[in-house]
């Protein structure tokens, strides 16, 4: 499976479970690998560390649980400064 296909799977898994996440983890950051829920974390840094601990250098998705229409900007991600590879 390509990285694009994996990301699509993870985004679909998030959307499928979003209403539950909104009830249980509003504003938190969820960690998803494929169709596996890796936990909810208070900060994106905690989610990132947990992702590295659980999945090593494999790709994974971190998504903040927000209502539709809420805009959040992460400039470091936009310009490619951050990477999952240490």
C-alpha atoms as a PDB file:
ATOM      1  CA  UNK A   1       0.000   0.000   0.000  1.00  0.00           C
ATOM      2  CA  UNK A   2       1.369   3.421  -0.936  1.00  0.00           C
ATOM      3  CA  UNK A   3       1.682   6.304   1.516  1.00  0.00           C
ATOM      4  CA  UNK A   4      -1.222   8.067  -0.219  1.00  0.00           C
ATOM      5  CA  UNK A   5      -3.446   5.001   0.128  1.00  0.00           C
ATOM      6  CA  UNK A   6      -2.475   4.634   3.793  1.00  0.00           C
ATOM      7  CA  UNK A   7      -3.276   8.293   4.472  1.00  0.00           C
ATOM      8  CA  UNK A   8      -6.623   7.931   2.694  1.00  0.00           C
ATOM      9  CA  UNK A   9      -7.435   4.869   4.826  1.00  0.00           C
ATOM     10  CA  UNK A  10      -6.531   6.737   8.016  1.00  0.00           C
ATOM     11  CA  UNK A  11      -8.572   9.804   7.055  1.00  0.00           C
ATOM     12  CA  UNK A  12     -11.574   7.609   6.240  1.00  0.00           C
ATOM     13  CA  UNK A  13     -11.186   5.804   9.579  1.00  0.00           C
ATOM     14  CA  UNK A  14     -11.083   9.166  11.364  1.00  0.00           C
ATOM     15  CA  UNK A  15     -14.204  10.408   9.566  1.00  0.00           C
ATOM     16  CA  UNK A  16     -16.054   7.157  10.303  1.00  0.00           C
ATOM     17  CA  UNK A  17     -15.321   7.547  14.023  1.00  0.00           C
ATOM     18  CA  UNK A  18     -15.373  11.354  14.268  1.00  0.00           C
ATOM     19  CA  UNK A  19     -18.689  11.674  16.123  1.00  0.00           C
ATOM     20  CA  UNK A  20     -17.489   9.279  18.813  1.00  0.00           C
ATOM     21  CA  UNK A  21     -14.174  11.149  19.063  1.00  0.00           C
ATOM     22  CA  UNK A  22     -16.047  14.467  19.394  1.00  0.00           C
ATOM     23  CA  UNK A  23     -17.972  13.040  22.353  1.00  0.00           C
ATOM     24  CA  UNK A  24     -14.980  11.415  24.041  1.00  0.00           C
ATOM     25  CA  UNK A  25     -11.960  13.525  23.040  1.00  0.00           C
ATOM     26  CA  UNK A  26     -13.027  17.048  21.958  1.00  0.00           C
ATOM     27  CA  UNK A  27     -10.009  19.226  21.182  1.00  0.00           C
ATOM     28  CA  UNK A  28      -7.562  16.387  21.796  1.00  0.00           C
ATOM     29  CA  UNK A  29      -5.250  14.781  19.246  1.00  0.00           C
ATOM     30  CA  UNK A  30      -6.007  11.249  18.074  1.00  0.00           C
ATOM     31  CA  UNK A  31      -3.374   8.894  16.735  1.00  0.00           C
ATOM     32  CA  UNK A  32      -4.364   6.566  13.898  1.00  0.00           C
ATOM     33  CA  UNK A  33      -2.381   3.945  12.017  1.00  0.00           C
ATOM     34  CA  UNK A  34      -4.310   2.362   9.155  1.00  0.00           C
ATOM     35  CA  UNK A  35      -7.615   1.404  10.771  1.00  0.00           C
ATOM     36  CA  UNK A  36      -6.129   1.211  14.267  1.00  0.00           C
ATOM     37  CA  UNK A  37      -6.831   3.788  16.979  1.00  0.00           C
ATOM     38  CA  UNK A  38      -3.590   4.555  18.793  1.00  0.00           C
ATOM     39  CA  UNK A  39      -5.013   6.756  21.532  1.00  0.00           C
ATOM     40  CA  UNK A  40      -6.033  10.329  22.314  1.00  0.00           C
ATOM     41  CA  UNK A  41      -3.573  12.883  23.663  1.00  0.00           C
ATOM     42  CA  UNK A  42      -3.735  16.385  25.111  1.00  0.00           C
ATOM     43  CA  UNK A  43      -1.060  17.808  22.800  1.00  0.00           C
ATOM     44  CA  UNK A  44       0.173  17.043  19.324  1.00  0.00           C
ATOM     45  CA  UNK A  45       3.664  16.483  20.789  1.00  0.00           C
ATOM     46  CA  UNK A  46       2.334  13.744  23.086  1.00  0.00           C
ATOM     47  CA  UNK A  47       0.548  12.114  20.138  1.00  0.00           C
ATOM     48  CA  UNK A  48       3.698  12.332  18.017  1.00  0.00           C
ATOM     49  CA  UNK A  49       5.854  10.699  20.725  1.00  0.00           C
ATOM     50  CA  UNK A  50       3.251   7.964  21.203  1.00  0.00           C
ATOM     51  CA  UNK A  51       3.202   7.396  17.440  1.00  0.00           C
ATOM     52  CA  UNK A  52       6.961   6.967  17.375  1.00  0.00           C
ATOM     53  CA  UNK A  53       6.813   4.629  20.379  1.00  0.00           C
ATOM     54  CA  UNK A  54       4.014   2.514  18.859  1.00  0.00           C
ATOM     55  CA  UNK A  55       4.887   2.563  15.152  1.00  0.00           C
ATOM     56  CA  UNK A  56       8.546   3.545  14.898  1.00  0.00           C
ATOM     57  CA  UNK A  57       9.455   5.174  11.608  1.00  0.00           C
ATOM     58  CA  UNK A  58       6.238   4.098   9.858  1.00  0.00           C
ATOM     59  CA  UNK A  59       3.760   6.753   8.803  1.00  0.00           C
ATOM     60  CA  UNK A  60       0.762   7.508  11.004  1.00  0.00           C
ATOM     61  CA  UNK A  61      -1.938  10.158  11.274  1.00  0.00           C
ATOM     62  CA  UNK A  62      -2.361  12.671  14.085  1.00  0.00           C
ATOM     63  CA  UNK A  63      -5.603  14.631  13.870  1.00  0.00           C
ATOM     64  CA  UNK A  64      -7.051  17.159  16.281  1.00  0.00           C
ATOM     65  CA  UNK A  65     -10.667  16.356  17.087  1.00  0.00           C
ATOM     66  CA  UNK A  66     -12.617  19.488  16.143  1.00  0.00           C
ATOM     67  CA  UNK A  67     -16.068  20.336  14.864  1.00  0.00           C
ATOM     68  CA  UNK A  68     -16.315  20.850  11.100  1.00  0.00           C
ATOM     69  CA  UNK A  69     -15.358  24.356  10.033  1.00  0.00           C
ATOM     70  CA  UNK A  70     -12.815  24.896  12.805  1.00  0.00           C
ATOM     71  CA  UNK A  71      -9.529  26.024  11.286  1.00  0.00           C
ATOM     72  CA  UNK A  72      -6.168  25.157  12.821  1.00  0.00           C
ATOM     73  CA  UNK A  73      -2.819  26.010  11.280  1.00  0.00           C
ATOM     74  CA  UNK A  74       0.469  24.213  11.797  1.00  0.00           C
ATOM     75  CA  UNK A  75       2.977  26.250   9.767  1.00  0.00           C
ATOM     76  CA  UNK A  76       5.864  23.804  10.366  1.00  0.00           C
ATOM     77  CA  UNK A  77       3.833  21.024   8.735  1.00  0.00           C
ATOM     78  CA  UNK A  78       2.801  23.267   5.846  1.00  0.00           C
ATOM     79  CA  UNK A  79       6.376  24.048   4.839  1.00  0.00           C
ATOM     80  CA  UNK A  80       7.669  20.535   5.557  1.00  0.00           C
ATOM     81  CA  UNK A  81       9.866  21.405   8.546  1.00  0.00           C
ATOM     82  CA  UNK A  82       8.522  18.529  10.627  1.00  0.00           C
ATOM     83  CA  UNK A  83       9.029  14.922   9.680  1.00  0.00           C
ATOM     84  CA  UNK A  84       8.158  11.628  11.334  1.00  0.00           C
ATOM     85  CA  UNK A  85      11.713  10.473  10.817  1.00  0.00           C
ATOM     86  CA  UNK A  86      13.965  11.508  13.747  1.00  0.00           C
END
